[in-house]
Amino acid sequence: MKKKLYLLLTCIVTVITSCNQKTTTENNKNIEEMNTKEEHYTFQLSEKVTRQKVSFKNRYGIELVGDLYLPKNGGTNLPALAISGPFGAVKEQSSGLYANQMAQRGFVVLAFDPSYTGESSGEPRNIASPDINTEDFSAAIDFLGLQKNVDRNKIGIIGICGFGGFALNATAVDKRAKAVATTSMYDMTRVTSKGYYDAVTLEQRTQMLEQLSQQRWKDAENGAPFYDYSRSLPDTLTGNEPEFVKGYFDYYKTPRGFHERSINSNAAWAATSSLSLMNMPILTYIKEISPRPVLIIAGENAHSKYFSEDAFKAANEPKELLIIPGKVHTDLYDKTDVIPFEKLDSFFKENLH
């Protein structure tokens, strides 16, 4: 089974071998209609919440763009949360949905596009970096701590999917984050360097690095990075794909979660992004999150569940692992009847101090 999973998937979460295509006229029509709309979000803004576009810079000088969600009933000295993910998604997708939900519960919440993606700056586009993406969370804390209605001693982080790993890494190094929660977590550095279930051999890893090293010369000669669309989600399915491929497709490639700026919906990562992910393990210092609390949430049937279980084992107390019965990885992207928002609410209200 593990061997089969490795063969089906490449080293990046959403990097999936191309499939045979068949027509999906209805989905494509709906997606085209979305592209004509301004400010397209994949969820409805709560009547109890206001949303405003904001921007701020990280310590590398990259301007990040986010949406700030505020409870309409206002208040002072409010708790705040920084949210990002999934890996390859934008703030108008899952992270915004989470922010919308948590703002209803009295938090000031910043959902942001990571560096080089979405509306955030950074050239070339669609680049991932374990250091910069960790820094993005700290830059979000910088911004939140300057808001007059926020108690800067009550700031936490939520990371979804691949940004769950970066959220844990950011919390380990940035002591201003008082609590952290992850949902459907991926350790992007582990899966990129070792494959699913750590099935990549040293020989395979060496071969991958040889190819990527040669790609650098090609990129330098061309003056631009190579984007391998054959390794992105397919535009249609044959019906024979495994559950997790169908799950990603159903979220990113249909009106349920499609967004024109989302890499997973509409683009590809720069191929050489894998180099830094393969060389810098992000959970090295996870034990140093303690004594601040960690909440790790995953679906019982998620293909990615082992990342959450292993991170939980590696972390020191206080920590909690919450497994949602019968649910898969993408159920925790946007299904508001599945995502345990009341648990997230109580966790952060109890621990942001």
Protein backbone atom coordinates (compact mmCIF):
# COMPACT_ATOMS: atom_id res chain seq x y z
CA MET A 1 0.00 0.00 0.00
CA LYS A 2 2.76 2.45 0.94
CA LYS A 3 4.65 1.61 -2.23
CA LYS A 4 1.52 2.21 -4.29
CA LEU A 5 0.94 5.59 -2.66
CA TYR A 6 4.49 6.66 -3.38
CA LEU A 7 4.23 5.67 -7.03
CA LEU A 8 0.97 7.60 -7.37
CA LEU A 9 2.35 10.78 -5.89
CA THR A 10 5.42 12.92 -6.36
CA CYS A 11 7.23 14.80 -3.65
CA ILE A 12 4.90 17.80 -3.31
CA VAL A 13 1.42 17.55 -1.84
CA THR A 14 -0.57 18.70 -4.82
CA VAL A 15 1.87 17.36 -7.38
CA ILE A 16 -0.14 14.63 -9.04
CA THR A 17 0.55 12.82 -12.30
CA SER A 18 -1.67 13.92 -15.14
CA CYS A 19 -4.74 11.83 -15.86
CA ASN A 20 -6.71 11.02 -19.01
CA GLN A 21 -9.30 13.70 -19.63
CA LYS A 22 -13.02 13.69 -20.27
CA THR A 23 -15.35 16.65 -20.64
CA THR A 24 -16.67 18.48 -17.56
CA THR A 25 -18.64 21.22 -19.32
CA GLU A 26 -20.80 22.20 -16.37
CA ASN A 27 -17.89 22.68 -13.96
CA ASN A 28 -15.89 24.63 -16.53
CA LYS A 29 -18.87 26.90 -17.24
CA ASN A 30 -19.36 27.62 -13.54
CA ILE A 31 -15.66 28.31 -13.09
CA GLU A 32 -15.65 30.70 -16.08
CA GLU A 33 -18.53 32.58 -14.45
CA MET A 34 -16.50 32.86 -11.23
CA ASN A 35 -13.60 34.39 -13.13
CA THR A 36 -15.82 37.28 -14.24
CA LYS A 37 -16.71 38.23 -10.68
CA GLU A 38 -14.76 40.69 -8.59
CA GLU A 39 -13.59 39.64 -5.15
CA HIS A 40 -14.49 36.00 -5.59
CA TYR A 41 -14.61 34.08 -2.31
CA THR A 42 -15.52 30.42 -1.94
CA PHE A 43 -17.72 31.06 1.10
CA GLN A 44 -20.30 33.55 2.33
CA LEU A 45 -19.20 36.34 4.68
CA SER A 46 -21.00 36.18 8.02
CA GLU A 47 -23.41 38.98 8.89
CA LYS A 48 -21.59 39.17 12.22
CA VAL A 49 -18.23 39.91 10.61
CA THR A 50 -16.55 42.65 8.60
CA ARG A 51 -13.67 42.03 6.20
CA GLN A 52 -11.05 44.46 4.96
CA LYS A 53 -8.06 44.08 2.67
CA VAL A 54 -4.71 44.78 4.35
CA SER A 55 -1.03 44.53 3.47
CA PHE A 56 2.17 44.22 5.48
CA LYS A 57 5.80 43.28 4.88
CA ASN A 58 7.81 40.36 6.17
CA ARG A 59 11.45 40.77 7.16
CA TYR A 60 12.55 39.94 3.61
CA GLY A 61 10.68 42.99 2.34
CA ILE A 62 8.00 40.95 0.59
CA GLU A 63 4.60 42.60 0.79
CA LEU A 64 1.95 40.17 1.96
CA VAL A 65 -1.72 40.77 1.25
CA GLY A 66 -4.37 39.52 3.62
CA ASP A 67 -7.96 39.90 4.69
CA LEU A 68 -8.60 41.13 8.22
CA TYR A 69 -11.80 39.70 9.72
CA LEU A 70 -13.33 41.61 12.61
CA PRO A 71 -16.33 40.84 14.83
CA LYS A 72 -18.99 43.47 14.17
CA ASN A 73 -19.71 43.89 17.87
CA GLY A 74 -16.21 45.31 18.21
CA GLY A 75 -14.34 45.45 21.49
CA THR A 76 -10.86 46.15 22.78
CA ASN A 77 -7.99 43.92 23.88
CA LEU A 78 -9.34 41.19 21.65
CA PRO A 79 -7.59 37.85 21.01
CA ALA A 80 -6.21 37.46 17.49
CA LEU A 81 -5.29 34.67 15.09
CA ALA A 82 -3.07 34.41 12.01
CA ILE A 83 -4.25 31.79 9.51
CA SER A 84 -2.85 30.42 6.26
CA GLY A 85 -3.08 27.33 4.08
CA PRO A 86 -3.59 24.92 2.52
CA PHE A 87 -0.34 24.64 0.56
CA GLY A 88 -1.04 26.15 -2.84
CA ALA A 89 -4.32 27.79 -1.79
CA VAL A 90 -5.24 31.46 -1.35
CA LYS A 91 -6.94 33.48 1.37
CA GLU A 92 -10.26 33.43 -0.48
CA GLN A 93 -10.42 29.66 0.10
CA SER A 94 -10.01 27.66 3.34
CA SER A 95 -8.04 30.16 5.41
CA GLY A 96 -10.65 32.85 4.79
CA LEU A 97 -13.44 30.46 5.68
CA TYR A 98 -11.69 29.66 8.98
CA ALA A 99 -11.12 33.37 9.62
CA ASN A 100 -14.78 34.13 8.97
CA GLN A 101 -15.83 31.47 11.46
CA MET A 102 -13.39 32.50 14.18
CA ALA A 103 -14.22 36.21 13.85
CA GLN A 104 -17.85 35.32 14.58
CA ARG A 105 -16.56 33.98 17.87
CA GLY A 106 -14.86 37.21 18.89
CA PHE A 107 -11.37 36.94 17.41
CA VAL A 108 -9.58 39.42 15.19
CA VAL A 109 -8.33 37.15 12.40
CA LEU A 110 -5.84 37.68 9.60
CA ALA A 111 -6.00 35.27 6.65
CA PHE A 112 -3.13 35.94 4.27
CA ASP A 113 -1.59 34.84 1.00
CA PRO A 114 1.94 33.50 1.54
CA SER A 115 4.92 35.09 -0.18
CA TYR A 116 5.11 34.59 -3.95
CA THR A 117 1.48 33.45 -4.18
CA GLY A 118 -2.00 34.91 -4.54
CA GLU A 119 -2.07 38.68 -4.19
CA SER A 120 1.13 38.80 -2.16
CA SER A 121 4.30 40.01 -3.85
CA GLY A 122 7.52 38.19 -4.63
CA GLU A 123 9.11 37.30 -7.95
CA PRO A 124 9.25 34.87 -9.59
CA ARG A 125 5.78 33.57 -8.81
CA ASN A 126 4.69 30.34 -7.13
CA ILE A 127 7.80 29.76 -5.06
CA ALA A 128 7.76 27.88 -1.73
CA SER A 129 10.39 28.19 0.99
CA PRO A 130 10.38 26.65 4.48
CA ASP A 131 12.14 29.72 5.88
CA ILE A 132 10.10 32.39 4.11
CA ASN A 133 6.77 30.64 4.64
CA THR A 134 7.58 30.30 8.34
CA GLU A 135 8.52 33.99 8.41
CA ASP A 136 5.17 34.85 6.80
CA PHE A 137 3.41 33.76 10.01
CA SER A 138 5.71 35.89 12.14
CA ALA A 139 5.05 38.88 9.85
CA ALA A 140 1.33 38.30 10.36
CA ILE A 141 1.92 38.43 14.13
CA ASP A 142 3.83 41.69 13.64
CA PHE A 143 0.77 43.14 11.92
CA LEU A 144 -1.77 41.84 14.42
CA GLY A 145 0.25 43.10 17.38
CA LEU A 146 0.05 46.65 16.00
CA GLN A 147 -3.74 46.72 15.81
CA LYS A 148 -5.27 48.94 18.49
CA ASN A 149 -8.11 46.53 19.22
CA VAL A 150 -5.81 43.52 19.67
CA ASP A 151 -4.14 42.36 22.88
CA ARG A 152 -0.69 41.46 21.57
CA ASN A 153 -0.31 38.95 24.41
CA LYS A 154 -3.27 36.99 23.03
CA ILE A 155 -2.17 35.98 19.53
CA GLY A 156 -2.34 32.45 18.17
CA ILE A 157 -1.82 30.64 14.86
CA ILE A 158 -3.88 28.21 12.80
CA GLY A 159 -2.19 26.34 9.95
CA ILE A 160 -4.12 24.28 7.41
CA CYS A 161 -2.60 21.39 5.42
CA GLY A 162 0.99 22.25 4.40
CA PHE A 163 0.85 25.47 6.38
CA GLY A 164 0.15 23.39 9.46
CA GLY A 165 3.80 22.38 9.46
CA PHE A 166 4.94 25.96 8.89
CA ALA A 167 2.61 27.08 11.71
CA LEU A 168 4.29 24.67 14.14
CA ASN A 169 7.71 25.81 12.98
CA ALA A 170 6.77 29.48 13.39
CA THR A 171 5.41 28.89 16.88
CA ALA A 172 8.59 27.09 17.91
CA VAL A 173 10.75 30.07 16.99
CA ASP A 174 8.37 32.98 17.62
CA LYS A 175 7.52 33.15 21.30
CA ARG A 176 4.84 35.78 20.71
CA ALA A 177 2.53 33.04 19.43
CA LYS A 178 0.81 31.81 22.58
CA ALA A 179 -0.96 28.77 21.10
CA VAL A 180 -1.10 26.90 17.79
CA ALA A 181 -3.61 24.63 16.08
CA THR A 182 -3.31 22.66 12.85
CA THR A 183 -5.87 20.89 10.69
CA SER A 184 -5.10 18.20 8.06
CA MET A 185 -1.42 18.95 8.68
CA TYR A 186 1.36 18.19 6.23
CA ASP A 187 5.09 18.39 6.93
CA MET A 188 6.06 19.70 3.51
CA THR A 189 9.77 19.23 4.07
CA ARG A 190 9.32 15.59 5.06
CA VAL A 191 7.00 14.64 2.20
CA THR A 192 9.12 16.46 -0.35
CA SER A 193 12.40 14.88 0.75
CA LYS A 194 11.15 11.42 1.71
CA GLY A 195 7.86 10.92 -0.11
CA TYR A 196 4.68 9.54 1.41
CA TYR A 197 5.32 7.20 4.33
CA ASP A 198 9.03 7.98 3.93
CA ALA A 199 9.17 5.56 0.99
CA VAL A 200 11.82 7.44 -1.03
CA THR A 201 15.18 5.71 -1.04
CA LEU A 202 18.52 7.50 -0.91
CA GLU A 203 19.03 6.59 -4.56
CA GLN A 204 15.67 8.10 -5.53
CA ARG A 205 16.33 11.24 -3.48
CA THR A 206 19.75 11.64 -5.09
CA GLN A 207 18.25 11.25 -8.55
CA MET A 208 15.60 13.86 -7.76
CA LEU A 209 18.23 16.32 -6.54
CA GLU A 210 20.37 15.67 -9.63
CA GLN A 211 17.41 16.57 -11.86
CA LEU A 212 16.55 19.68 -9.87
CA SER A 213 20.17 20.80 -9.80
CA GLN A 214 20.33 20.55 -13.60
CA GLN A 215 17.03 22.42 -13.80
CA ARG A 216 18.67 25.40 -12.11
CA TRP A 217 21.00 25.82 -15.10
CA LYS A 218 18.04 25.62 -17.47
CA ASP A 219 16.17 28.22 -15.43
CA ALA A 220 19.24 30.47 -15.37
CA GLU A 221 19.63 30.16 -19.11
CA ASN A 222 15.95 30.89 -19.72
CA GLY A 223 15.81 33.70 -17.19
CA ALA A 224 12.69 32.21 -15.59
CA PRO A 225 11.74 29.15 -13.55
CA PHE A 226 10.16 26.05 -15.07
CA TYR A 227 6.57 25.34 -14.05
CA ASP A 228 5.69 21.69 -14.62
CA TYR A 229 1.96 21.64 -15.24
CA SER A 230 2.03 17.90 -15.85
CA ARG A 231 2.57 17.54 -12.11
CA SER A 232 -0.41 19.69 -11.14
CA LEU A 233 -3.92 18.48 -10.50
CA PRO A 234 -5.58 17.26 -13.71
CA ASP A 235 -8.44 19.27 -15.18
CA THR A 236 -10.65 16.18 -15.33
CA LEU A 237 -10.76 12.74 -13.72
CA THR A 238 -11.06 9.28 -15.22
CA GLY A 239 -12.86 7.93 -12.16
CA ASN A 240 -10.09 5.50 -11.25
CA GLU A 241 -8.08 7.86 -9.06
CA PRO A 242 -7.54 7.20 -5.35
CA GLU A 243 -9.74 8.98 -2.81
CA PHE A 244 -7.30 11.74 -1.94
CA VAL A 245 -6.84 12.75 -5.60
CA LYS A 246 -10.63 12.90 -5.98
CA GLY A 247 -10.78 14.93 -2.77
CA TYR A 248 -8.27 17.51 -4.01
CA PHE A 249 -10.01 17.69 -7.38
CA ASP A 250 -13.44 18.11 -5.80
CA TYR A 251 -12.18 21.05 -3.78
CA TYR A 252 -9.78 22.85 -6.10
CA LYS A 253 -11.18 22.11 -9.55
CA THR A 254 -14.93 22.53 -9.03
CA PRO A 255 -17.04 25.52 -7.97
CA ARG A 256 -16.86 24.23 -4.39
CA GLY A 257 -13.35 25.63 -3.90
CA PHE A 258 -11.94 26.82 -7.22
CA HIS A 259 -10.18 30.17 -7.20
CA GLU A 260 -8.43 31.70 -10.17
CA ARG A 261 -5.37 32.74 -8.11
CA SER A 262 -4.96 29.39 -6.37
CA ILE A 263 -1.95 27.41 -7.56
CA ASN A 264 -3.81 24.15 -6.93
CA SER A 265 -6.81 25.36 -8.93
CA ASN A 266 -5.17 27.07 -11.83
CA ALA A 267 -1.36 26.92 -11.95
CA ALA A 268 1.81 25.06 -10.92
CA TRP A 269 4.67 25.47 -8.47
CA ALA A 270 8.13 26.38 -9.71
CA ALA A 271 9.92 23.04 -9.99
CA THR A 272 13.00 24.12 -8.05
CA SER A 273 10.93 25.01 -4.96
CA SER A 274 11.52 21.41 -3.96
CA LEU A 275 15.22 22.05 -3.36
CA SER A 276 14.88 24.04 -0.15
CA LEU A 277 11.99 21.89 1.06
CA MET A 278 14.21 18.81 0.67
CA ASN A 279 17.05 20.34 2.64
CA MET A 280 15.49 22.07 5.67
CA PRO A 281 13.34 19.94 8.03
CA ILE A 282 10.85 22.31 9.65
CA LEU A 283 9.83 20.33 12.75
CA THR A 284 13.34 20.03 14.20
CA TYR A 285 12.44 22.24 17.17
CA ILE A 286 8.80 21.29 17.70
CA LYS A 287 9.49 20.42 21.35
CA GLU A 288 10.35 24.10 21.96
CA ILE A 289 6.73 25.11 21.45
CA SER A 290 6.18 23.92 25.02
CA PRO A 291 4.96 25.17 27.47
CA ARG A 292 2.61 26.80 24.96
CA PRO A 293 -0.23 24.45 23.93
CA VAL A 294 -0.61 22.60 20.65
CA LEU A 295 -3.88 21.33 19.16
CA ILE A 296 -3.57 18.97 16.18
CA ILE A 297 -6.72 17.98 14.25
CA ALA A 298 -7.02 15.38 11.49
CA GLY A 299 -9.61 13.22 9.79
CA GLU A 300 -9.71 9.55 10.75
CA ASN A 301 -9.54 8.47 7.09
CA ALA A 302 -7.18 11.19 5.87
CA HIS A 303 -4.22 9.92 3.85
CA SER A 304 -2.20 12.59 5.66
CA LYS A 305 -3.19 11.57 9.19
CA TYR A 306 0.24 10.13 9.98
CA PHE A 307 1.82 13.60 9.72
CA SER A 308 -0.47 14.82 12.51
CA GLU A 309 0.11 11.72 14.63
CA ASP A 310 3.88 11.98 14.31
CA ALA A 311 3.91 15.70 15.06
CA PHE A 312 1.79 15.03 18.13
CA LYS A 313 4.24 12.38 19.34
CA ALA A 314 7.19 14.72 18.79
CA ALA A 315 5.68 17.71 20.62
CA ASN A 316 5.95 18.19 24.36
CA GLU A 317 2.99 18.78 26.66
CA PRO A 318 0.60 20.51 26.73
CA LYS A 319 -0.73 18.99 23.53
CA GLU A 320 -3.90 17.45 22.18
CA LEU A 321 -4.66 15.27 19.16
CA LEU A 322 -8.24 15.37 17.89
CA ILE A 323 -9.22 12.80 15.27
CA ILE A 324 -12.51 13.45 13.47
CA PRO A 325 -14.27 10.09 12.90
CA GLY A 326 -14.81 8.98 9.31
CA LYS A 327 -13.46 12.16 7.70
CA VAL A 328 -10.79 12.66 5.04
CA HIS A 329 -8.14 15.30 4.44
CA THR A 330 -10.19 17.81 2.44
CA ASP A 331 -13.24 17.55 4.72
CA LEU A 332 -11.34 19.92 7.01
CA TYR A 333 -10.87 22.49 4.26
CA ASP A 334 -14.39 23.89 4.15
CA LYS A 335 -17.05 21.65 5.68
CA THR A 336 -18.29 23.79 8.53
CA ASP A 337 -20.31 20.91 9.99
CA VAL A 338 -17.11 18.84 10.21
CA ILE A 339 -14.41 21.34 11.22
CA PRO A 340 -14.54 21.57 15.04
CA PHE A 341 -14.82 25.35 15.31
CA GLU A 342 -16.24 25.20 18.83
CA LYS A 343 -13.16 23.25 19.89
CA LEU A 344 -10.88 25.78 18.20
CA ASP A 345 -12.80 28.57 19.93
CA SER A 346 -12.47 27.06 23.40
CA PHE A 347 -8.84 26.06 22.82
CA PHE A 348 -7.70 29.56 21.93
CA LYS A 349 -9.85 31.37 24.49
CA GLU A 350 -8.44 29.17 27.23
CA ASN A 351 -4.82 29.46 26.11
CA LEU A 352 -4.26 32.94 24.73
CA HIS A 353 -2.89 34.69 27.76
